[in-house]
Amino acid sequence: MMDGKIKQDSNIPIGKNIRNVRIAKGIGQTELVRRMQLLGVDMTRETLVKIERGIQHIYATQLRAIRDLLETSYDELLKEE
């Protein structure tokens, strides 16, 4: 199954939103990536860093896993700046 990439734009900083929620929950990048890998979602720490900086697209499956692991909503992750 092919996953669609989600492109960030200047109005909706997905990566920044992910970072803010992750930090608020007290979860480090390495820990979040480890949990994603346990779910079978392909992600490296380097990839997460690039996503949070807004320089790499995120796959829909990655976004869903992050939403679930951070116990947040798509609304929170996709909120406008």
PDB file of N, CA and C in Angstrom:
ATOM      1  N   MET A   1       0.844  -1.182   0.000  1.00  0.00           N
ATOM      2  CA  MET A   1       0.000   0.000   0.000  1.00  0.00           C
ATOM      3  C   MET A   1       0.889   1.244   0.000  1.00  0.00           C
ATOM      4  N   MET A   2       0.578   2.171  -0.859  1.00  0.00           N
ATOM      5  CA  MET A   2       1.360   3.404  -0.929  1.00  0.00           C
ATOM      6  C   MET A   2       0.774   4.429   0.036  1.00  0.00           C
ATOM      7  N   ASP A   3       1.653   5.082   0.736  1.00  0.00           N
ATOM      8  CA  ASP A   3       1.226   6.136   1.653  1.00  0.00           C
ATOM      9  C   ASP A   3       1.456   7.479   0.989  1.00  0.00           C
ATOM     10  N   GLY A   4       0.524   8.395   1.195  1.00  0.00           N
ATOM     11  CA  GLY A   4       0.681   9.731   0.652  1.00  0.00           C
ATOM     12  C   GLY A   4       1.517  10.597   1.559  1.00  0.00           C
ATOM     13  N   LYS A   5       2.338  11.426   0.930  1.00  0.00           N
ATOM     14  CA  LYS A   5       3.129  12.385   1.693  1.00  0.00           C
ATOM     15  C   LYS A   5       2.272  13.607   1.959  1.00  0.00           C
ATOM     16  N   ILE A   6       2.449  14.177   3.129  1.00  0.00           N
ATOM     17  CA  ILE A   6       1.750  15.398   3.503  1.00  0.00           C
ATOM     18  C   ILE A   6       2.777  16.508   3.504  1.00  0.00           C
ATOM     19  N   LYS A   7       2.529  17.532   2.724  1.00  0.00           N
ATOM     20  CA  LYS A   7       3.468  18.641   2.601  1.00  0.00           C
ATOM     21  C   LYS A   7       3.086  19.755   3.568  1.00  0.00           C
ATOM     22  N   GLN A   8       4.067  20.221   4.305  1.00  0.00           N
ATOM     23  CA  GLN A   8       3.843  21.343   5.213  1.00  0.00           C
ATOM     24  C   GLN A   8       3.816  22.635   4.406  1.00  0.00           C
ATOM     25  N   ASP A   9       3.124  23.623   4.915  1.00  0.00           N
ATOM     26  CA  ASP A   9       3.193  24.940   4.301  1.00  0.00           C
ATOM     27  C   ASP A   9       3.371  25.986   5.382  1.00  0.00           C
ATOM     28  N   SER A  10       3.501  27.227   4.963  1.00  0.00           N
ATOM     29  CA  SER A  10       3.817  28.279   5.924  1.00  0.00           C
ATOM     30  C   SER A  10       2.680  28.550   6.909  1.00  0.00           C
ATOM     31  N   ASN A  11       1.447  28.244   6.525  1.00  0.00           N
ATOM     32  CA  ASN A  11       0.301  28.486   7.414  1.00  0.00           C
ATOM     33  C   ASN A  11       0.083  27.371   8.423  1.00  0.00           C
ATOM     34  N   ILE A  12       0.469  26.153   8.067  1.00  0.00           N
ATOM     35  CA  ILE A  12       0.263  25.001   8.948  1.00  0.00           C
ATOM     36  C   ILE A  12       1.606  24.301   9.147  1.00  0.00           C
ATOM     37  N   PRO A  13       2.335  24.690  10.189  1.00  0.00           N
ATOM     38  CA  PRO A  13       3.655  24.111  10.459  1.00  0.00           C
ATOM     39  C   PRO A  13       3.545  22.779  11.215  1.00  0.00           C
ATOM     40  N   ILE A  14       3.272  21.712  10.488  1.00  0.00           N
ATOM     41  CA  ILE A  14       3.050  20.405  11.110  1.00  0.00           C
ATOM     42  C   ILE A  14       4.223  20.021  12.006  1.00  0.00           C
ATOM     43  N   GLY A  15       5.433  20.166  11.491  1.00  0.00           N
ATOM     44  CA  GLY A  15       6.615  19.776  12.260  1.00  0.00           C
ATOM     45  C   GLY A  15       6.749  20.540  13.569  1.00  0.00           C
ATOM     46  N   LYS A  16       6.519  21.825  13.505  1.00  0.00           N
ATOM     47  CA  LYS A  16       6.590  22.656  14.719  1.00  0.00           C
ATOM     48  C   LYS A  16       5.512  22.237  15.712  1.00  0.00           C
ATOM     49  N   ASN A  17       4.328  21.936  15.198  1.00  0.00           N
ATOM     50  CA  ASN A  17       3.237  21.488  16.069  1.00  0.00           C
ATOM     51  C   ASN A  17       3.576  20.152  16.727  1.00  0.00           C
ATOM     52  N   ILE A  18       4.161  19.237  15.947  1.00  0.00           N
ATOM     53  CA  ILE A  18       4.580  17.943  16.500  1.00  0.00           C
ATOM     54  C   ILE A  18       5.586  18.178  17.619  1.00  0.00           C
ATOM     55  N   ARG A  19       6.574  19.009  17.352  1.00  0.00           N
ATOM     56  CA  ARG A  19       7.623  19.287  18.343  1.00  0.00           C
ATOM     57  C   ARG A  19       7.028  19.875  19.621  1.00  0.00           C
ATOM     58  N   ASN A  20       6.124  20.834  19.471  1.00  0.00           N
ATOM     59  CA  ASN A  20       5.519  21.469  20.646  1.00  0.00           C
ATOM     60  C   ASN A  20       4.744  20.475  21.495  1.00  0.00           C
ATOM     61  N   VAL A  21       3.963  19.619  20.852  1.00  0.00           N
ATOM     62  CA  VAL A  21       3.181  18.624  21.598  1.00  0.00           C
ATOM     63  C   VAL A  21       4.118  17.607  22.240  1.00  0.00           C
ATOM     64  N   ARG A  22       5.124  17.156  21.499  1.00  0.00           N
ATOM     65  CA  ARG A  22       6.066  16.161  22.017  1.00  0.00           C
ATOM     66  C   ARG A  22       6.774  16.692  23.254  1.00  0.00           C
ATOM     67  N   ILE A  23       7.247  17.927  23.197  1.00  0.00           N
ATOM     68  CA  ILE A  23       7.946  18.525  24.340  1.00  0.00           C
ATOM     69  C   ILE A  23       6.992  18.703  25.521  1.00  0.00           C
ATOM     70  N   ALA A  24       5.766  19.145  25.232  1.00  0.00           N
ATOM     71  CA  ALA A  24       4.775  19.329  26.301  1.00  0.00           C
ATOM     72  C   ALA A  24       4.471  18.009  27.011  1.00  0.00           C
ATOM     73  N   LYS A  25       4.564  16.902  26.281  1.00  0.00           N
ATOM     74  CA  LYS A  25       4.302  15.577  26.862  1.00  0.00           C
ATOM     75  C   LYS A  25       5.550  14.993  27.525  1.00  0.00           C
ATOM     76  N   GLY A  26       6.688  15.676  27.378  1.00  0.00           N
ATOM     77  CA  GLY A  26       7.930  15.203  27.995  1.00  0.00           C
ATOM     78  C   GLY A  26       8.532  13.995  27.310  1.00  0.00           C
ATOM     79  N   ILE A  27       8.331  13.882  25.989  1.00  0.00           N
ATOM     80  CA  ILE A  27       8.841  12.735  25.244  1.00  0.00           C
ATOM     81  C   ILE A  27       9.969  13.214  24.323  1.00  0.00           C
ATOM     82  N   GLY A  28      11.112  12.577  24.422  1.00  0.00           N
ATOM     83  CA  GLY A  28      12.248  12.929  23.576  1.00  0.00           C
ATOM     84  C   GLY A  28      12.090  12.378  22.170  1.00  0.00           C
ATOM     85  N   GLN A  29      12.875  12.908  21.254  1.00  0.00           N
ATOM     86  CA  GLN A  29      12.814  12.448  19.867  1.00  0.00           C
ATOM     87  C   GLN A  29      13.148  10.967  19.756  1.00  0.00           C
ATOM     88  N   THR A  30      14.204  10.540  20.415  1.00  0.00           N
ATOM     89  CA  THR A  30      14.621   9.139  20.344  1.00  0.00           C
ATOM     90  C   THR A  30      13.530   8.216  20.873  1.00  0.00           C
ATOM     91  N   GLU A  31      12.885   8.603  21.956  1.00  0.00           N
ATOM     92  CA  GLU A  31      11.816   7.790  22.538  1.00  0.00           C
ATOM     93  C   GLU A  31      10.616   7.705  21.597  1.00  0.00           C
ATOM     94  N   LEU A  32      10.237   8.815  20.991  1.00  0.00           N
ATOM     95  CA  LEU A  32       9.102   8.807  20.070  1.00  0.00           C
ATOM     96  C   LEU A  32       9.399   7.907  18.872  1.00  0.00           C
ATOM     97  N   VAL A  33      10.591   8.011  18.334  1.00  0.00           N
ATOM     98  CA  VAL A  33      10.983   7.170  17.192  1.00  0.00           C
ATOM     99  C   VAL A  33      10.993   5.706  17.596  1.00  0.00           C
ATOM    100  N   ARG A  34      11.501   5.396  18.776  1.00  0.00           N
ATOM    101  CA  ARG A  34      11.522   4.005  19.254  1.00  0.00           C
ATOM    102  C   ARG A  34      10.108   3.446  19.339  1.00  0.00           C
ATOM    103  N   ARG A  35       9.181   4.223  19.878  1.00  0.00           N
ATOM    104  CA  ARG A  35       7.792   3.784  19.993  1.00  0.00           C
ATOM    105  C   ARG A  35       7.156   3.585  18.619  1.00  0.00           C
ATOM    106  N   MET A  36       7.503   4.464  17.673  1.00  0.00           N
ATOM    107  CA  MET A  36       6.961   4.322  16.322  1.00  0.00           C
ATOM    108  C   MET A  36       7.473   3.036  15.674  1.00  0.00           C
ATOM    109  N   GLN A  37       8.751   2.763  15.856  1.00  0.00           N
ATOM    110  CA  GLN A  37       9.320   1.544  15.285  1.00  0.00           C
ATOM    111  C   GLN A  37       8.680   0.297  15.885  1.00  0.00           C
ATOM    112  N   LEU A  38       8.340   0.344  17.174  1.00  0.00           N
ATOM    113  CA  LEU A  38       7.651  -0.791  17.802  1.00  0.00           C
ATOM    114  C   LEU A  38       6.271  -1.014  17.185  1.00  0.00           C
ATOM    115  N   LEU A  39       5.667   0.055  16.662  1.00  0.00           N
ATOM    116  CA  LEU A  39       4.376  -0.052  15.978  1.00  0.00           C
ATOM    117  C   LEU A  39       4.538  -0.481  14.523  1.00  0.00           C
ATOM    118  N   GLY A  40       5.790  -0.596  14.064  1.00  0.00           N
ATOM    119  CA  GLY A  40       6.038  -0.978  12.683  1.00  0.00           C
ATOM    120  C   GLY A  40       6.025   0.186  11.710  1.00  0.00           C
ATOM    121  N   VAL A  41       6.127   1.416  12.244  1.00  0.00           N
ATOM    122  CA  VAL A  41       6.134   2.608  11.406  1.00  0.00           C
ATOM    123  C   VAL A  41       7.590   3.023  11.184  1.00  0.00           C
ATOM    124  N   ASP A  42       7.982   3.081   9.915  1.00  0.00           N
ATOM    125  CA  ASP A  42       9.361   3.391   9.560  1.00  0.00           C
ATOM    126  C   ASP A  42       9.683   4.859   9.828  1.00  0.00           C
ATOM    127  N   MET A  43      10.657   5.084  10.709  1.00  0.00           N
ATOM    128  CA  MET A  43      11.080   6.455  11.036  1.00  0.00           C
ATOM    129  C   MET A  43      12.425   6.358  11.739  1.00  0.00           C
ATOM    130  N   THR A  44      13.304   7.307  11.426  1.00  0.00           N
ATOM    131  CA  THR A  44      14.570   7.433  12.147  1.00  0.00           C
ATOM    132  C   THR A  44      14.545   8.758  12.892  1.00  0.00           C
ATOM    133  N   ARG A  45      15.451   8.913  13.824  1.00  0.00           N
ATOM    134  CA  ARG A  45      15.525  10.174  14.559  1.00  0.00           C
ATOM    135  C   ARG A  45      15.860  11.313  13.596  1.00  0.00           C
ATOM    136  N   GLU A  46      16.755  11.040  12.649  1.00  0.00           N
ATOM    137  CA  GLU A  46      17.133  12.063  11.670  1.00  0.00           C
ATOM    138  C   GLU A  46      15.921  12.521  10.858  1.00  0.00           C
ATOM    139  N   THR A  47      15.057  11.579  10.523  1.00  0.00           N
ATOM    140  CA  THR A  47      13.836  11.912   9.791  1.00  0.00           C
ATOM    141  C   THR A  47      12.932  12.792  10.641  1.00  0.00           C
ATOM    142  N   LEU A  48      12.770  12.435  11.914  1.00  0.00           N
ATOM    143  CA  LEU A  48      11.927  13.226  12.805  1.00  0.00           C
ATOM    144  C   LEU A  48      12.475  14.644  12.948  1.00  0.00           C
ATOM    145  N   VAL A  49      13.786  14.771  13.072  1.00  0.00           N
ATOM    146  CA  VAL A  49      14.406  16.101  13.172  1.00  0.00           C
ATOM    147  C   VAL A  49      14.055  16.928  11.937  1.00  0.00           C
ATOM    148  N   LYS A  50      14.167  16.342  10.761  1.00  0.00           N
ATOM    149  CA  LYS A  50      13.869  17.061   9.512  1.00  0.00           C
ATOM    150  C   LYS A  50      12.391  17.426   9.423  1.00  0.00           C
ATOM    151  N   ILE A  51      11.523  16.525   9.863  1.00  0.00           N
ATOM    152  CA  ILE A  51      10.085  16.809   9.850  1.00  0.00           C
ATOM    153  C   ILE A  51       9.788  17.973  10.796  1.00  0.00           C
ATOM    154  N   GLU A  52      10.346  17.928  12.007  1.00  0.00           N
ATOM    155  CA  GLU A  52      10.094  18.989  12.985  1.00  0.00           C
ATOM    156  C   GLU A  52      10.641  20.332  12.516  1.00  0.00           C
ATOM    157  N   ARG A  53      11.686  20.317  11.723  1.00  0.00           N
ATOM    158  CA  ARG A  53      12.253  21.560  11.181  1.00  0.00           C
ATOM    159  C   ARG A  53      11.499  22.038   9.938  1.00  0.00           C
ATOM    160  N   GLY A  54      10.606  21.197   9.430  1.00  0.00           N
ATOM    161  CA  GLY A  54       9.823  21.579   8.258  1.00  0.00           C
ATOM    162  C   GLY A  54      10.548  21.421   6.940  1.00  0.00           C
ATOM    163  N   ILE A  55      11.605  20.601   6.914  1.00  0.00           N
ATOM    164  CA  ILE A  55      12.357  20.427   5.677  1.00  0.00           C
ATOM    165  C   ILE A  55      12.129  19.060   5.032  1.00  0.00           C
ATOM    166  N   GLN A  56      11.271  18.258   5.616  1.00  0.00           N
ATOM    167  CA  GLN A  56      10.936  16.962   5.023  1.00  0.00           C
ATOM    168  C   GLN A  56       9.442  16.720   5.161  1.00  0.00           C
ATOM    169  N   HIS A  57       8.871  16.111   4.116  1.00  0.00           N
ATOM    170  CA  HIS A  57       7.460  15.747   4.156  1.00  0.00           C
ATOM    171  C   HIS A  57       7.258  14.634   5.166  1.00  0.00           C
ATOM    172  N   ILE A  58       6.032  14.502   5.638  1.00  0.00           N
ATOM    173  CA  ILE A  58       5.679  13.420   6.551  1.00  0.00           C
ATOM    174  C   ILE A  58       4.659  12.532   5.857  1.00  0.00           C
ATOM    175  N   TYR A  59       4.782  11.241   6.042  1.00  0.00           N
ATOM    176  CA  TYR A  59       3.814  10.303   5.485  1.00  0.00           C
ATOM    177  C   TYR A  59       2.582  10.256   6.385  1.00  0.00           C
ATOM    178  N   ALA A  60       1.459   9.974   5.773  1.00  0.00           N
ATOM    179  CA  ALA A  60       0.204   9.900   6.522  1.00  0.00           C
ATOM    180  C   ALA A  60       0.294   8.872   7.645  1.00  0.00           C
ATOM    181  N   THR A  61       0.934   7.718   7.396  1.00  0.00           N
ATOM    182  CA  THR A  61       1.062   6.697   8.446  1.00  0.00           C
ATOM    183  C   THR A  61       1.918   7.192   9.603  1.00  0.00           C
ATOM    184  N   GLN A  62       2.938   7.996   9.288  1.00  0.00           N
ATOM    185  CA  GLN A  62       3.786   8.563  10.344  1.00  0.00           C
ATOM    186  C   GLN A  62       2.994   9.565  11.174  1.00  0.00           C
ATOM    187  N   LEU A  63       2.216  10.406  10.499  1.00  0.00           N
ATOM    188  CA  LEU A  63       1.419  11.399  11.210  1.00  0.00           C
ATOM    189  C   LEU A  63       0.393  10.731  12.120  1.00  0.00           C
ATOM    190  N   ARG A  64      -0.244   9.668  11.619  1.00  0.00           N
ATOM    191  CA  ARG A  64      -1.227   8.943  12.429  1.00  0.00           C
ATOM    192  C   ARG A  64      -0.564   8.329  13.656  1.00  0.00           C
ATOM    193  N   ALA A  65       0.613   7.721  13.478  1.00  0.00           N
ATOM    194  CA  ALA A  65       1.324   7.108  14.607  1.00  0.00           C
ATOM    195  C   ALA A  65       1.731   8.161  15.627  1.00  0.00           C
ATOM    196  N   ILE A  66       2.214   9.299  15.157  1.00  0.00           N
ATOM    197  CA  ILE A  66       2.597  10.383  16.070  1.00  0.00           C
ATOM    198  C   ILE A  66       1.380  10.866  16.836  1.00  0.00           C
ATOM    199  N   ARG A  67       0.261  11.038  16.137  1.00  0.00           N
ATOM    200  CA  ARG A  67      -0.984  11.461  16.802  1.00  0.00           C
ATOM    201  C   ARG A  67      -1.355  10.483  17.916  1.00  0.00           C
ATOM    202  N   ASP A  68      -1.305   9.202  17.601  1.00  0.00           N
ATOM    203  CA  ASP A  68      -1.681   8.179  18.583  1.00  0.00           C
ATOM    204  C   ASP A  68      -0.706   8.125  19.754  1.00  0.00           C
ATOM    205  N   LEU A  69       0.596   8.145  19.462  1.00  0.00           N
ATOM    206  CA  LEU A  69       1.600   8.029  20.520  1.00  0.00           C
ATOM    207  C   LEU A  69       1.654   9.266  21.415  1.00  0.00           C
ATOM    208  N   LEU A  70       1.388  10.420  20.842  1.00  0.00           N
ATOM    209  CA  LEU A  70       1.384  11.645  21.649  1.00  0.00           C
ATOM    210  C   LEU A  70       0.021  11.899  22.275  1.00  0.00           C
ATOM    211  N   GLU A  71      -0.937  11.007  21.986  1.00  0.00           N
ATOM    212  CA  GLU A  71      -2.302  11.123  22.524  1.00  0.00           C
ATOM    213  C   GLU A  71      -2.857  12.522  22.302  1.00  0.00           C
ATOM    214  N   THR A  72      -2.813  12.939  21.043  1.00  0.00           N
ATOM    215  CA  THR A  72      -3.307  14.254  20.665  1.00  0.00           C
ATOM    216  C   THR A  72      -4.279  14.092  19.500  1.00  0.00           C
ATOM    217  N   SER A  73      -4.639  15.189  18.870  1.00  0.00           N
ATOM    218  CA  SER A  73      -5.593  15.145  17.764  1.00  0.00           C
ATOM    219  C   SER A  73      -4.956  15.677  16.488  1.00  0.00           C
ATOM    220  N   TYR A  74      -5.577  15.340  15.349  1.00  0.00           N
ATOM    221  CA  TYR A  74      -5.130  15.927  14.094  1.00  0.00           C
ATOM    222  C   TYR A  74      -5.284  17.438  14.137  1.00  0.00           C
ATOM    223  N   ASP A  75      -6.357  17.916  14.793  1.00  0.00           N
ATOM    224  CA  ASP A  75      -6.572  19.365  14.901  1.00  0.00           C
ATOM    225  C   ASP A  75      -5.369  20.039  15.544  1.00  0.00           C
ATOM    226  N   GLU A  76      -4.824  19.424  16.583  1.00  0.00           N
ATOM    227  CA  GLU A  76      -3.675  19.999  17.279  1.00  0.00           C
ATOM    228  C   GLU A  76      -2.433  19.968  16.382  1.00  0.00           C
ATOM    229  N   LEU A  77      -2.246  18.883  15.652  1.00  0.00           N
ATOM    230  CA  LEU A  77      -1.069  18.750  14.812  1.00  0.00           C
ATOM    231  C   LEU A  77      -1.152  19.577  13.537  1.00  0.00           C
ATOM    232  N   LEU A  78      -2.374  19.890  13.111  1.00  0.00           N
ATOM    233  CA  LEU A  78      -2.560  20.629  11.868  1.00  0.00           C
ATOM    234  C   LEU A  78      -3.041  22.067  12.082  1.00  0.00           C
ATOM    235  N   LYS A  79      -2.919  22.551  13.310  1.00  0.00           N
ATOM    236  CA  LYS A  79      -3.398  23.907  13.574  1.00  0.00           C
ATOM    237  C   LYS A  79      -2.525  24.946  12.895  1.00  0.00           C
ATOM    238  N   GLU A  80      -3.179  26.033  12.522  1.00  0.00           N
ATOM    239  CA  GLU A  80      -2.477  27.114  11.848  1.00  0.00           C
ATOM    240  C   GLU A  80      -1.656  27.920  12.839  1.00  0.00           C
ATOM    241  N   GLU A  81      -0.625  28.531  12.285  1.00  0.00           N
ATOM    242  CA  GLU A  81       0.254  29.337  13.129  1.00  0.00           C
ATOM    243  C   GLU A  81      -0.352  30.688  13.382  1.00  0.00           C
TER     244      GLU A  81
END
